[in-house]
């Protein structure tokens, strides 16, 4: 009887969440099929260069995002209580939609298509997003922005609207359910997650509001862990050239749509008129 390689003895690999990202964080333990010689295993990872490329591109884009204006306003002490409510409300609206996104992604996972460690880490990411959603909800309740949790679903700052950049980004991620799990993890964890980590750290350092500072600083460990998880999965499982091109495409789309969402958040927080999205490029065929 042929045995799947995912049923081979598992080699436990310690992966530091902050590896290659700066700082320090608790280690994560990943279980991947064992190979003889740890050094050879790390050197022969087929997607190592691709993972570095995706992270590097996302870091470059993270240097200038629409949230830079919000960070500057926080440094000047120009974010009042209502602006903080607008910010937290829009971030909560996104976090709660990850239940919908990950629900679609989970349906695409099948038995024995990936080792158990990959699915475990995905479930851990779902739990982390749920924790962030509750963190934002607690912040709104403690600030008396809303009276009850139910009120957040109908409040203009935190309700979901189909005609919004938030919806555009959510549906964009949800549509990745039709692609392999490695592609969608590459798209999110090595794209928007890298951008998110950068602006959240910047805002946490800039604001004098202890509630905002704690809300953003507390997410750093999970965000670094998600990036490290995405890097390791791409290194191990994205081996074919066609999959590498798909990962580049999906990561670029996710970053583009996340940036569009951040522009919407920035405009709302700072009380500016909504910035119209860029006109789509249309290929003309003669």
Protein backbone atom coordinates (compact mmCIF):
# COMPACT_ATOMS: atom_id res chain seq x y z
CA UNK A 1 0.00 0.00 0.00
CA UNK A 2 1.35 3.39 -0.98
CA UNK A 3 1.83 5.70 1.97
CA UNK A 4 1.33 9.45 1.58
CA UNK A 5 4.41 11.50 2.37
CA UNK A 6 2.31 13.35 4.90
CA UNK A 7 2.13 10.15 6.94
CA UNK A 8 5.91 9.91 7.23
CA UNK A 9 7.49 10.53 10.64
CA UNK A 10 7.17 14.21 11.34
CA UNK A 11 10.23 16.32 12.04
CA UNK A 12 9.51 19.10 14.50
CA UNK A 13 10.90 22.40 13.29
CA UNK A 14 11.02 25.37 15.64
CA UNK A 15 10.02 28.51 13.79
CA UNK A 16 10.43 31.85 15.50
CA UNK A 17 7.50 34.09 14.73
CA UNK A 18 9.81 37.04 14.36
CA UNK A 19 12.35 35.25 12.19
CA UNK A 20 13.51 37.61 9.49
CA UNK A 21 11.06 40.28 10.66
CA UNK A 22 13.01 41.91 13.46
CA UNK A 23 12.27 41.80 17.16
CA UNK A 24 11.62 38.71 19.20
CA UNK A 25 8.53 36.65 19.84
CA UNK A 26 7.57 33.26 21.23
CA UNK A 27 8.59 30.35 19.03
CA UNK A 28 6.07 28.39 17.01
CA UNK A 29 6.49 24.68 16.44
CA UNK A 30 5.78 23.37 12.96
CA UNK A 31 5.60 19.74 12.02
CA UNK A 32 6.66 18.91 8.48
CA UNK A 33 7.74 15.59 7.00
CA UNK A 34 11.21 14.71 8.21
CA UNK A 35 14.20 14.85 5.88
CA UNK A 36 17.71 13.70 6.57
CA UNK A 37 19.92 16.58 7.56
CA UNK A 38 18.31 19.72 8.95
CA UNK A 39 20.69 22.05 7.10
CA UNK A 40 20.04 20.34 3.78
CA UNK A 41 16.30 20.53 4.40
CA UNK A 42 16.41 24.29 4.92
CA UNK A 43 18.72 24.86 1.97
CA UNK A 44 16.58 22.83 -0.43
CA UNK A 45 13.26 24.53 0.30
CA UNK A 46 11.81 25.13 -3.18
CA UNK A 47 9.90 28.30 -2.38
CA UNK A 48 12.46 30.08 -0.20
CA UNK A 49 13.38 32.72 -2.79
CA UNK A 50 9.72 33.31 -3.63
CA UNK A 51 8.78 33.85 0.01
CA UNK A 52 11.59 36.39 0.43
CA UNK A 53 10.47 38.13 -2.76
CA UNK A 54 6.83 38.42 -1.65
CA UNK A 55 7.75 39.70 1.81
CA UNK A 56 10.23 42.19 0.35
CA UNK A 57 7.67 43.59 -2.11
CA UNK A 58 5.08 43.95 0.65
CA UNK A 59 7.60 45.67 2.95
CA UNK A 60 8.39 48.17 0.20
CA UNK A 61 4.70 48.95 -0.21
CA UNK A 62 4.23 49.18 3.56
CA UNK A 63 6.57 52.18 3.70
CA UNK A 64 3.83 54.41 2.27
CA UNK A 65 0.18 53.56 2.90
CA UNK A 66 -2.99 55.65 3.35
CA UNK A 67 -2.65 55.07 7.10
CA UNK A 68 0.38 57.39 7.15
CA UNK A 69 -2.01 60.35 7.44
CA UNK A 70 -3.73 58.74 10.42
CA UNK A 71 -0.36 58.09 12.08
CA UNK A 72 0.63 61.72 11.53
CA UNK A 73 -2.66 62.89 13.04
CA UNK A 74 -2.04 60.66 16.06
CA UNK A 75 1.42 62.16 16.53
CA UNK A 76 -0.14 65.64 16.56
CA UNK A 77 -2.81 64.52 19.03
CA UNK A 78 -5.49 65.26 16.45
CA UNK A 79 -7.43 62.00 16.84
CA UNK A 80 -10.35 62.74 19.14
CA UNK A 81 -12.70 60.18 20.68
CA UNK A 82 -14.99 60.14 17.66
CA UNK A 83 -12.08 59.62 15.27
CA UNK A 84 -10.87 56.72 17.43
CA UNK A 85 -14.37 55.24 17.27
CA UNK A 86 -14.38 55.53 13.49
CA UNK A 87 -11.01 53.79 13.31
CA UNK A 88 -11.86 50.94 15.66
CA UNK A 89 -15.29 50.50 14.10
CA UNK A 90 -13.95 50.03 10.59
CA UNK A 91 -11.24 47.64 11.76
CA UNK A 92 -13.82 45.60 13.68
CA UNK A 93 -16.02 45.46 10.58
CA UNK A 94 -13.14 43.82 8.70
CA UNK A 95 -12.16 41.41 11.47
CA UNK A 96 -15.66 40.00 11.83
CA UNK A 97 -15.77 39.31 8.09
CA UNK A 98 -12.86 36.89 8.44
CA UNK A 99 -15.38 34.36 9.73
CA UNK A 100 -16.93 34.52 6.27
CA UNK A 101 -13.58 34.50 4.45
CA UNK A 102 -12.02 31.64 6.39
CA UNK A 103 -15.24 29.65 6.22
CA UNK A 104 -14.88 29.56 2.45
CA UNK A 105 -11.19 28.76 2.65
CA UNK A 106 -11.76 25.92 5.09
CA UNK A 107 -14.20 24.25 2.73
CA UNK A 108 -11.38 23.91 0.22
CA UNK A 109 -9.17 21.86 2.55
CA UNK A 110 -9.34 18.12 1.99
CA UNK A 111 -8.01 15.10 3.86
CA UNK A 112 -4.32 14.38 3.21
CA UNK A 113 -3.83 17.31 0.83
CA UNK A 114 -1.51 18.94 3.39
CA UNK A 115 0.14 17.68 6.58
CA UNK A 116 -1.78 18.23 9.83
CA UNK A 117 0.58 21.03 10.89
CA UNK A 118 -0.59 23.26 8.01
CA UNK A 119 -4.21 22.84 8.99
CA UNK A 120 -3.41 23.36 12.65
CA UNK A 121 -1.71 26.66 11.89
CA UNK A 122 -4.66 27.75 9.78
CA UNK A 123 -7.01 26.99 12.67
CA UNK A 124 -4.69 28.96 14.95
CA UNK A 125 -4.94 31.92 12.58
CA UNK A 126 -8.74 31.71 12.70
CA UNK A 127 -8.59 31.87 16.50
CA UNK A 128 -6.24 34.86 16.34
CA UNK A 129 -8.59 36.78 14.04
CA UNK A 130 -11.47 36.01 16.39
CA UNK A 131 -9.41 37.36 19.28
CA UNK A 132 -8.73 40.59 17.37
CA UNK A 133 -12.43 40.96 16.57
CA UNK A 134 -13.30 40.66 20.27
CA UNK A 135 -10.48 43.06 21.15
CA UNK A 136 -11.99 45.78 18.95
CA UNK A 137 -15.47 45.06 20.30
CA UNK A 138 -14.24 45.39 23.89
CA UNK A 139 -12.54 48.66 23.00
CA UNK A 140 -15.78 50.11 21.60
CA UNK A 141 -17.74 49.01 24.66
CA UNK A 142 -15.17 50.35 27.15
CA UNK A 143 -15.10 53.69 25.34
CA UNK A 144 -18.92 53.82 25.45
CA UNK A 145 -19.01 54.14 21.67
CA UNK A 146 -21.86 51.65 21.66
CA UNK A 147 -24.19 50.44 24.40
CA UNK A 148 -24.31 46.79 23.36
CA UNK A 149 -22.51 44.45 20.99
CA UNK A 150 -25.64 44.25 18.85
CA UNK A 151 -25.55 48.02 18.33
CA UNK A 152 -22.22 47.76 16.50
CA UNK A 153 -23.81 45.89 13.60
CA UNK A 154 -26.06 48.85 12.80
CA UNK A 155 -23.76 51.77 13.70
CA UNK A 156 -22.59 53.74 10.66
CA UNK A 157 -18.94 53.45 11.75
CA UNK A 158 -18.93 49.66 12.03
CA UNK A 159 -21.71 48.26 9.89
CA UNK A 160 -20.98 46.31 6.74
CA UNK A 161 -22.00 47.84 3.42
CA UNK A 162 -21.82 46.05 0.09
CA UNK A 163 -21.02 49.32 -1.65
CA UNK A 164 -17.67 49.88 0.06
CA UNK A 165 -13.98 49.20 -0.32
CA UNK A 166 -14.26 46.95 2.73
CA UNK A 167 -16.68 44.71 0.85
CA UNK A 168 -14.45 44.79 -2.23
CA UNK A 169 -11.50 43.55 -0.18
CA UNK A 170 -13.55 40.92 1.66
CA UNK A 171 -14.99 39.45 -1.52
CA UNK A 172 -11.54 39.52 -3.12
CA UNK A 173 -10.15 37.33 -0.32
CA UNK A 174 -13.20 35.10 -0.29
CA UNK A 175 -12.76 34.42 -4.00
CA UNK A 176 -9.35 32.92 -3.27
CA UNK A 177 -11.21 29.89 -1.91
CA UNK A 178 -11.11 28.50 -5.46
CA UNK A 179 -7.28 28.41 -5.38
CA UNK A 180 -4.97 26.04 -3.47
CA UNK A 181 -4.48 26.78 0.20
CA UNK A 182 -0.82 27.64 -0.37
CA UNK A 183 -1.80 30.39 -2.82
CA UNK A 184 -4.35 32.06 -0.57
CA UNK A 185 -2.05 31.89 2.47
CA UNK A 186 0.72 33.45 0.38
CA UNK A 187 -1.67 36.17 -0.79
CA UNK A 188 -2.85 37.19 2.68
CA UNK A 189 0.01 36.39 5.03
CA UNK A 190 2.82 37.64 2.82
CA UNK A 191 0.80 40.56 1.43
CA UNK A 192 -1.71 42.54 3.55
CA UNK A 193 -0.44 41.02 6.80
CA UNK A 194 3.02 42.51 6.19
CA UNK A 195 1.48 45.91 5.40
CA UNK A 196 -0.81 45.68 8.44
CA UNK A 197 2.04 44.91 10.81
CA UNK A 198 3.95 47.98 9.62
CA UNK A 199 1.19 50.56 9.99
CA UNK A 200 -0.09 49.10 13.27
CA UNK A 201 3.37 49.33 14.82
CA UNK A 202 3.66 52.89 13.54
CA UNK A 203 0.30 53.90 14.96
CA UNK A 204 0.94 52.20 18.31
CA UNK A 205 4.19 54.15 18.61
CA UNK A 206 2.61 57.46 17.55
CA UNK A 207 -0.56 57.62 19.62
CA UNK A 208 -0.75 58.87 23.19
CA UNK A 209 -4.10 57.13 23.66
CA UNK A 210 -3.34 54.10 25.89
CA UNK A 211 -6.42 52.23 24.66
CA UNK A 212 -5.45 52.52 21.00
CA UNK A 213 -1.80 51.82 21.75
CA UNK A 214 -2.59 48.62 23.63
CA UNK A 215 -5.11 47.45 21.01
CA UNK A 216 -2.56 47.66 18.20
CA UNK A 217 0.58 46.64 20.11
CA UNK A 218 -1.11 43.51 21.43
CA UNK A 219 -1.63 42.19 17.89
CA UNK A 220 2.03 42.30 16.91
CA UNK A 221 2.88 38.77 18.08
CA UNK A 222 -0.01 37.19 16.17
CA UNK A 223 0.69 39.21 13.03
CA UNK A 224 4.36 38.22 13.04
CA UNK A 225 3.31 34.63 13.58
CA UNK A 226 0.97 34.76 10.57
CA UNK A 227 3.72 36.17 8.37
CA UNK A 228 6.16 33.51 9.56
CA UNK A 229 3.58 30.81 8.94
CA UNK A 230 2.92 32.07 5.43
CA UNK A 231 6.65 32.24 4.72
CA UNK A 232 7.22 28.68 5.88
CA UNK A 233 4.28 27.28 3.88
CA UNK A 234 5.41 29.04 0.70
CA UNK A 235 8.98 27.84 1.21
CA UNK A 236 7.88 24.24 1.67
CA UNK A 237 4.97 23.82 -0.74
CA UNK A 238 5.14 26.35 -3.58
CA UNK A 239 7.52 24.50 -5.87
CA UNK A 240 6.09 24.66 -9.39
CA UNK A 241 6.64 27.75 -11.57
CA UNK A 242 2.91 28.01 -12.28
CA UNK A 243 2.16 28.06 -8.54
CA UNK A 244 4.85 30.71 -8.00
CA UNK A 245 3.24 32.95 -10.62
CA UNK A 246 -0.17 32.39 -9.06
CA UNK A 247 1.23 33.36 -5.66
CA UNK A 248 2.73 36.58 -7.06
CA UNK A 249 -0.55 37.46 -8.77
CA UNK A 250 -2.73 36.69 -5.74
CA UNK A 251 -0.41 38.55 -3.36
CA UNK A 252 -0.44 41.62 -5.61
CA UNK A 253 -4.24 41.59 -5.87
CA UNK A 254 -4.64 41.23 -2.10
CA UNK A 255 -2.26 44.13 -1.41
CA UNK A 256 -4.03 46.32 -3.97
CA UNK A 257 -7.47 45.67 -2.51
CA UNK A 258 -6.23 46.03 1.08
CA UNK A 259 -4.71 49.39 0.19
CA UNK A 260 -8.06 50.43 -1.22
CA UNK A 261 -9.70 49.46 2.08
CA UNK A 262 -7.07 51.39 4.06
CA UNK A 263 -7.79 54.47 1.96
CA UNK A 264 -11.45 54.21 2.90
CA UNK A 265 -10.52 53.86 6.59
CA UNK A 266 -8.15 56.82 6.47
CA UNK A 267 -10.71 59.06 4.78
CA UNK A 268 -13.39 58.17 7.33
CA UNK A 269 -11.13 58.61 10.36
CA UNK A 270 -9.87 62.00 9.20
CA UNK A 271 -13.28 63.23 8.07
CA UNK A 272 -12.33 63.57 4.40
CA UNK A 273 -14.53 62.92 1.37
CA UNK A 274 -14.11 59.37 0.09
CA UNK A 275 -11.24 58.96 -2.34
CA UNK A 276 -12.55 57.44 -5.58
CA UNK A 277 -10.90 54.14 -6.46
CA UNK A 278 -8.48 54.16 -9.39
CA UNK A 279 -10.03 53.52 -12.76
CA UNK A 280 -9.58 49.90 -13.84
CA UNK A 281 -7.13 49.24 -16.62
CA UNK A 282 -8.81 47.84 -19.68
CA UNK A 283 -6.86 45.90 -22.26
CA UNK A 284 -7.86 46.91 -25.77
CA UNK A 285 -7.73 44.07 -28.26
CA UNK A 286 -7.44 45.08 -31.91
